[in-house]
Amino acid sequence: MNTIGSGVIDYCYLCEEGDMVYPDSESLMRNLYDMMLIRRFEEVVARMYGMGHIGGFCHLYIGQEAVVVGVFSEICVPEDQVITS
């Protein structure tokens, strides 16, 4: 599957059959919500780490929210299993 376009407006996929598939606005809004939720969580974690409430090392994911949301929006079905490190 190849991604065509450079932004949300012209975002679509070119399927194996050559058909263009555009995500619906509900899916795009859900992805945006998920990215914003992850960002807010990371900001809270950063503040807590800075205040010394989290010990050890804290590796933040700020700026990379689209990666996880994009991957999970395409592969997450009940039978999928994802392992991260």
Foldseek 3Di string as FASTA:
>chain_A
DDWDDDDLVPTWDQDPVRDTGHDDPVLVVVLVVQLVVLQVVLVVVVVCVVVVVDDDDDDGCPPPSSVVSVVCSPPDDPVDDDDDD
